[in-house]
Amino acid sequence: MVIWGWMWYYLDENDMKGVVSVADLSFSGNFAHSIDPKGRVTIPMAFREALGGGFTIGLNNQSTALALYPKAMWAEKCAQLRRIPDTDVRGMKYRRWVMGNSFPDMELDSQGRVLLPQTLRAQIGISKAIRFVGMDSYLEIWDEDRYLAEYDLTQSSFEDLMNYVDERYFRSGDA
């Protein structure tokens, strides 16, 4: 697990003319949407500014949804992946999976749309109906039916989930 905190990422001269604070990037909420016949989707206005230009489309860590990473977040993810040595065969399988299923330097068109790569849509099983889900430092795109099924599972076991998170991440261990 990565804790982003107040880190600074220096981007090249063409990227936002300076420095972007990770703390300024935030995605929250969810929006039902649809994909057009060409495989394009309009990014909700609430997410466009945080997404910025030159973002990367890949898979989330569970390969259950697409993940859209702002440029600074993708740079951090790549830096983490570079720590896996080429001699670690198992680690390189993970690195190859992540990098091989990513499409960097994506841009929105003048109408705020982006083409979702067909290979990723097929891999996740995305149909016409989708759901955008803000994940703080990145944005997920789920197939609507899959998202609703996951939502129902989470809701039915929410108390257990809340206790797990509390015990694992928030208790000091000496209680």
C-alpha atoms as a PDB file:
ATOM      1  CA  MET A   1       0.000   0.000   0.000  1.00  0.00           C
ATOM      2  CA  VAL A   2       1.290   3.420  -0.912  1.00  0.00           C
ATOM      3  CA  ILE A   3       0.535   6.409   1.277  1.00  0.00           C
ATOM      4  CA  TRP A   4       0.661   9.459  -0.952  1.00  0.00           C
ATOM      5  CA  GLY A   5       0.798  12.153   1.742  1.00  0.00           C
ATOM      6  CA  TRP A   6       2.208  15.507   0.634  1.00  0.00           C
ATOM      7  CA  MET A   7       4.630  14.462  -2.091  1.00  0.00           C
ATOM      8  CA  TRP A   8       5.714  16.691  -4.945  1.00  0.00           C
ATOM      9  CA  TYR A   9       6.260  15.582  -8.504  1.00  0.00           C
ATOM     10  CA  TYR A  10       8.342  17.629 -10.879  1.00  0.00           C
ATOM     11  CA  LEU A  11       7.004  17.400 -14.376  1.00  0.00           C
ATOM     12  CA  ASP A  12       8.795  18.432 -17.522  1.00  0.00           C
ATOM     13  CA  GLU A  13       8.491  21.982 -18.837  1.00  0.00           C
ATOM     14  CA  ASN A  14       5.547  21.143 -21.070  1.00  0.00           C
ATOM     15  CA  ASP A  15       3.487  19.697 -18.236  1.00  0.00           C
ATOM     16  CA  MET A  16       1.546  22.363 -16.406  1.00  0.00           C
ATOM     17  CA  LYS A  17       4.547  24.706 -16.272  1.00  0.00           C
ATOM     18  CA  GLY A  18       5.737  23.698 -12.812  1.00  0.00           C
ATOM     19  CA  VAL A  19       5.013  21.438  -9.936  1.00  0.00           C
ATOM     20  CA  VAL A  20       1.873  19.476  -9.136  1.00  0.00           C
ATOM     21  CA  SER A  21       1.082  18.466  -5.562  1.00  0.00           C
ATOM     22  CA  VAL A  22      -0.366  14.998  -5.227  1.00  0.00           C
ATOM     23  CA  ALA A  23      -2.518  16.374  -2.417  1.00  0.00           C
ATOM     24  CA  ASP A  24      -4.258  18.596  -4.987  1.00  0.00           C
ATOM     25  CA  LEU A  25      -5.386  15.569  -7.027  1.00  0.00           C
ATOM     26  CA  SER A  26      -8.564  14.025  -5.733  1.00  0.00           C
ATOM     27  CA  PHE A  27     -11.264  11.857  -7.235  1.00  0.00           C
ATOM     28  CA  SER A  28     -14.367  10.990  -5.227  1.00  0.00           C
ATOM     29  CA  GLY A  29     -17.949  10.089  -5.987  1.00  0.00           C
ATOM     30  CA  ASN A  30     -19.371   7.979  -8.775  1.00  0.00           C
ATOM     31  CA  PHE A  31     -21.270   8.616 -11.985  1.00  0.00           C
ATOM     32  CA  ALA A  32     -23.267   6.274 -14.220  1.00  0.00           C
ATOM     33  CA  HIS A  33     -22.445   6.803 -17.883  1.00  0.00           C
ATOM     34  CA  SER A  34     -22.323   5.038 -21.243  1.00  0.00           C
ATOM     35  CA  ILE A  35     -19.813   4.345 -23.995  1.00  0.00           C
ATOM     36  CA  ASP A  36     -20.561   5.523 -27.523  1.00  0.00           C
ATOM     37  CA  PRO A  37     -20.482   3.061 -30.470  1.00  0.00           C
ATOM     38  CA  LYS A  38     -16.846   3.994 -31.220  1.00  0.00           C
ATOM     39  CA  GLY A  39     -15.689   3.099 -27.687  1.00  0.00           C
ATOM     40  CA  ARG A  40     -15.392   6.676 -26.464  1.00  0.00           C
ATOM     41  CA  VAL A  41     -16.580   7.948 -23.129  1.00  0.00           C
ATOM     42  CA  THR A  42     -17.114  11.481 -21.894  1.00  0.00           C
ATOM     43  CA  ILE A  43     -15.238  12.083 -18.650  1.00  0.00           C
ATOM     44  CA  PRO A  44     -17.540  13.745 -16.096  1.00  0.00           C
ATOM     45  CA  MET A  45     -16.736  17.423 -15.541  1.00  0.00           C
ATOM     46  CA  ALA A  46     -16.088  16.752 -11.845  1.00  0.00           C
ATOM     47  CA  PHE A  47     -13.066  14.588 -12.795  1.00  0.00           C
ATOM     48  CA  ARG A  48     -11.549  16.407 -15.785  1.00  0.00           C
ATOM     49  CA  GLU A  49      -9.377  18.928 -13.971  1.00  0.00           C
ATOM     50  CA  ALA A  50      -7.856  16.362 -11.594  1.00  0.00           C
ATOM     51  CA  LEU A  51      -7.228  13.969 -14.510  1.00  0.00           C
ATOM     52  CA  GLY A  52      -5.378  16.573 -16.558  1.00  0.00           C
ATOM     53  CA  GLY A  53      -3.608  15.841 -19.822  1.00  0.00           C
ATOM     54  CA  GLY A  54      -1.198  13.054 -20.639  1.00  0.00           C
ATOM     55  CA  PHE A  55      -2.965  10.566 -18.364  1.00  0.00           C
ATOM     56  CA  THR A  56      -2.608   6.785 -18.572  1.00  0.00           C
ATOM     57  CA  ILE A  57      -5.361   4.212 -18.995  1.00  0.00           C
ATOM     58  CA  GLY A  58      -4.618   0.805 -17.493  1.00  0.00           C
ATOM     59  CA  LEU A  59      -6.138  -1.797 -15.226  1.00  0.00           C
ATOM     60  CA  ASN A  60      -6.828  -1.383 -11.525  1.00  0.00           C
ATOM     61  CA  ASN A  61      -4.856  -3.611  -9.132  1.00  0.00           C
ATOM     62  CA  GLN A  62      -7.545  -6.307  -9.103  1.00  0.00           C
ATOM     63  CA  SER A  63      -8.069  -6.230 -12.901  1.00  0.00           C
ATOM     64  CA  THR A  64     -11.779  -5.621 -12.261  1.00  0.00           C
ATOM     65  CA  ALA A  65     -11.970  -2.136 -13.785  1.00  0.00           C
ATOM     66  CA  LEU A  66     -10.067   0.309 -15.926  1.00  0.00           C
ATOM     67  CA  ALA A  67      -7.910   2.828 -14.074  1.00  0.00           C
ATOM     68  CA  LEU A  68      -7.170   6.338 -15.325  1.00  0.00           C
ATOM     69  CA  TYR A  69      -4.021   7.697 -13.704  1.00  0.00           C
ATOM     70  CA  PRO A  70      -3.088  11.385 -13.845  1.00  0.00           C
ATOM     71  CA  LYS A  71       0.429  11.917 -15.159  1.00  0.00           C
ATOM     72  CA  ALA A  72       1.981  12.368 -11.694  1.00  0.00           C
ATOM     73  CA  MET A  73       0.312   9.226 -10.322  1.00  0.00           C
ATOM     74  CA  TRP A  74       1.445   7.161 -13.290  1.00  0.00           C
ATOM     75  CA  ALA A  75       5.009   8.440 -12.875  1.00  0.00           C
ATOM     76  CA  GLU A  76       4.926   7.293  -9.237  1.00  0.00           C
ATOM     77  CA  LYS A  77       3.533   3.878 -10.195  1.00  0.00           C
ATOM     78  CA  CYS A  78       6.281   3.446 -12.807  1.00  0.00           C
ATOM     79  CA  ALA A  79       8.934   4.444 -10.265  1.00  0.00           C
ATOM     80  CA  GLN A  80       7.597   1.760  -7.916  1.00  0.00           C
ATOM     81  CA  LEU A  81       7.642  -0.847 -10.686  1.00  0.00           C
ATOM     82  CA  ARG A  82      11.260   0.018 -11.558  1.00  0.00           C
ATOM     83  CA  ARG A  83      12.258  -1.174  -8.084  1.00  0.00           C
ATOM     84  CA  ILE A  84      11.485  -4.734  -9.209  1.00  0.00           C
ATOM     85  CA  PRO A  85      14.810  -6.164 -10.431  1.00  0.00           C
ATOM     86  CA  ASP A  86      14.926  -7.878 -13.825  1.00  0.00           C
ATOM     87  CA  THR A  87      16.177 -10.999 -12.047  1.00  0.00           C
ATOM     88  CA  ASP A  88      12.926 -11.370 -10.058  1.00  0.00           C
ATOM     89  CA  VAL A  89      10.969 -13.564 -12.477  1.00  0.00           C
ATOM     90  CA  ARG A  90       7.718 -13.436 -10.513  1.00  0.00           C
ATOM     91  CA  GLY A  91       7.953  -9.687  -9.922  1.00  0.00           C
ATOM     92  CA  MET A  92       8.663  -9.121 -13.604  1.00  0.00           C
ATOM     93  CA  LYS A  93       5.444 -10.964 -14.501  1.00  0.00           C
ATOM     94  CA  TYR A  94       3.532  -8.400 -12.464  1.00  0.00           C
ATOM     95  CA  ARG A  95       5.512  -5.509 -13.959  1.00  0.00           C
ATOM     96  CA  ARG A  96       4.943  -6.850 -17.487  1.00  0.00           C
ATOM     97  CA  TRP A  97       1.193  -7.238 -16.789  1.00  0.00           C
ATOM     98  CA  VAL A  98       0.852  -3.667 -15.557  1.00  0.00           C
ATOM     99  CA  MET A  99       3.019  -2.057 -18.237  1.00  0.00           C
ATOM    100  CA  GLY A 100       1.672  -4.239 -21.058  1.00  0.00           C
ATOM    101  CA  ASN A 101      -1.888  -3.274 -20.189  1.00  0.00           C
ATOM    102  CA  SER A 102      -1.344   0.473 -20.067  1.00  0.00           C
ATOM    103  CA  PHE A 103      -1.882   3.218 -22.596  1.00  0.00           C
ATOM    104  CA  PRO A 104       0.060   6.378 -21.631  1.00  0.00           C
ATOM    105  CA  ASP A 105      -0.169   9.963 -22.872  1.00  0.00           C
ATOM    106  CA  MET A 106      -3.937   9.945 -23.382  1.00  0.00           C
ATOM    107  CA  GLU A 107      -5.759  13.241 -23.969  1.00  0.00           C
ATOM    108  CA  LEU A 108      -9.378  14.296 -23.912  1.00  0.00           C
ATOM    109  CA  ASP A 109     -10.831  15.596 -27.154  1.00  0.00           C
ATOM    110  CA  SER A 110     -12.568  18.982 -27.372  1.00  0.00           C
ATOM    111  CA  GLN A 111     -15.788  17.413 -26.045  1.00  0.00           C
ATOM    112  CA  GLY A 112     -14.095  15.842 -23.006  1.00  0.00           C
ATOM    113  CA  ARG A 113     -14.077  12.319 -24.483  1.00  0.00           C
ATOM    114  CA  VAL A 114     -11.413   9.639 -24.569  1.00  0.00           C
ATOM    115  CA  LEU A 115     -11.267   6.385 -26.504  1.00  0.00           C
ATOM    116  CA  LEU A 116     -11.095   3.418 -24.141  1.00  0.00           C
ATOM    117  CA  PRO A 117      -8.752   0.849 -25.719  1.00  0.00           C
ATOM    118  CA  GLN A 118     -10.694  -2.143 -27.070  1.00  0.00           C
ATOM    119  CA  THR A 119      -8.240  -4.651 -25.577  1.00  0.00           C
ATOM    120  CA  LEU A 120      -8.825  -3.287 -22.078  1.00  0.00           C
ATOM    121  CA  ARG A 121     -12.603  -3.035 -22.545  1.00  0.00           C
ATOM    122  CA  ALA A 122     -12.700  -6.688 -23.610  1.00  0.00           C
ATOM    123  CA  GLN A 123     -10.449  -7.787 -20.757  1.00  0.00           C
ATOM    124  CA  ILE A 124     -12.690  -6.151 -18.133  1.00  0.00           C
ATOM    125  CA  GLY A 125     -15.927  -7.057 -19.918  1.00  0.00           C
ATOM    126  CA  ILE A 126     -17.119  -3.487 -20.242  1.00  0.00           C
ATOM    127  CA  SER A 127     -20.375  -3.118 -22.131  1.00  0.00           C
ATOM    128  CA  LYS A 128     -22.216   0.064 -23.021  1.00  0.00           C
ATOM    129  CA  ALA A 129     -23.244   0.985 -19.443  1.00  0.00           C
ATOM    130  CA  ILE A 130     -20.351   1.993 -17.197  1.00  0.00           C
ATOM    131  CA  ARG A 131     -19.716   3.566 -13.808  1.00  0.00           C
ATOM    132  CA  PHE A 132     -16.977   6.092 -13.009  1.00  0.00           C
ATOM    133  CA  VAL A 133     -15.671   5.696  -9.445  1.00  0.00           C
ATOM    134  CA  GLY A 134     -13.312   8.183  -7.816  1.00  0.00           C
ATOM    135  CA  MET A 135     -10.498   6.479  -5.910  1.00  0.00           C
ATOM    136  CA  ASP A 136      -8.779   9.582  -4.483  1.00  0.00           C
ATOM    137  CA  SER A 137      -5.560   9.509  -6.514  1.00  0.00           C
ATOM    138  CA  TYR A 138      -6.965   7.872  -9.654  1.00  0.00           C
ATOM    139  CA  LEU A 139     -10.248   7.173 -11.407  1.00  0.00           C
ATOM    140  CA  GLU A 140     -11.817   3.781 -12.115  1.00  0.00           C
ATOM    141  CA  ILE A 141     -14.248   2.821 -14.900  1.00  0.00           C
ATOM    142  CA  TRP A 142     -16.354  -0.250 -14.154  1.00  0.00           C
ATOM    143  CA  ASP A 143     -18.843  -2.174 -16.208  1.00  0.00           C
ATOM    144  CA  GLU A 144     -22.135  -1.049 -14.625  1.00  0.00           C
ATOM    145  CA  ASP A 145     -23.470  -4.554 -13.870  1.00  0.00           C
ATOM    146  CA  ARG A 146     -20.161  -5.652 -12.357  1.00  0.00           C
ATOM    147  CA  TYR A 147     -19.988  -2.494 -10.244  1.00  0.00           C
ATOM    148  CA  LEU A 148     -23.530  -2.978  -8.927  1.00  0.00           C
ATOM    149  CA  ALA A 149     -22.799  -6.610  -8.030  1.00  0.00           C
ATOM    150  CA  GLU A 150     -19.631  -5.548  -6.184  1.00  0.00           C
ATOM    151  CA  TYR A 151     -21.556  -2.739  -4.493  1.00  0.00           C
ATOM    152  CA  ASP A 152     -24.204  -5.178  -3.249  1.00  0.00           C
ATOM    153  CA  LEU A 153     -21.535  -7.571  -1.897  1.00  0.00           C
ATOM    154  CA  THR A 154     -19.786  -4.730  -0.107  1.00  0.00           C
ATOM    155  CA  GLN A 155     -23.008  -3.365   1.315  1.00  0.00           C
ATOM    156  CA  SER A 156     -24.072  -6.766   2.664  1.00  0.00           C
ATOM    157  CA  SER A 157     -20.783  -7.207   4.544  1.00  0.00           C
ATOM    158  CA  PHE A 158     -20.041  -3.563   5.323  1.00  0.00           C
ATOM    159  CA  GLU A 159     -19.768  -3.972   9.101  1.00  0.00           C
ATOM    160  CA  ASP A 160     -17.161  -6.735   8.737  1.00  0.00           C
ATOM    161  CA  LEU A 161     -15.319  -4.671   6.145  1.00  0.00           C
ATOM    162  CA  MET A 162     -15.320  -1.609   8.385  1.00  0.00           C
ATOM    163  CA  ASN A 163     -13.945  -3.687  11.292  1.00  0.00           C
ATOM    164  CA  TYR A 164     -11.213  -5.143   9.052  1.00  0.00           C
ATOM    165  CA  VAL A 165     -10.070  -1.694   7.901  1.00  0.00           C
ATOM    166  CA  ASP A 166     -10.218  -0.306  11.438  1.00  0.00           C
ATOM    167  CA  GLU A 167      -8.132  -3.157  12.865  1.00  0.00           C
ATOM    168  CA  ARG A 168      -5.643  -3.317  10.019  1.00  0.00           C
ATOM    169  CA  TYR A 169      -5.019   0.383   9.388  1.00  0.00           C
ATOM    170  CA  PHE A 170      -6.260   2.535  12.241  1.00  0.00           C
ATOM    171  CA  ARG A 171      -5.657   0.721  15.526  1.00  0.00           C
ATOM    172  CA  SER A 172      -2.282   1.141  17.153  1.00  0.00           C
ATOM    173  CA  GLY A 173      -2.106  -2.551  18.053  1.00  0.00           C
ATOM    174  CA  ASP A 174      -1.856  -2.002  21.798  1.00  0.00           C
ATOM    175  CA  ALA A 175      -5.605  -1.878  22.459  1.00  0.00           C
END
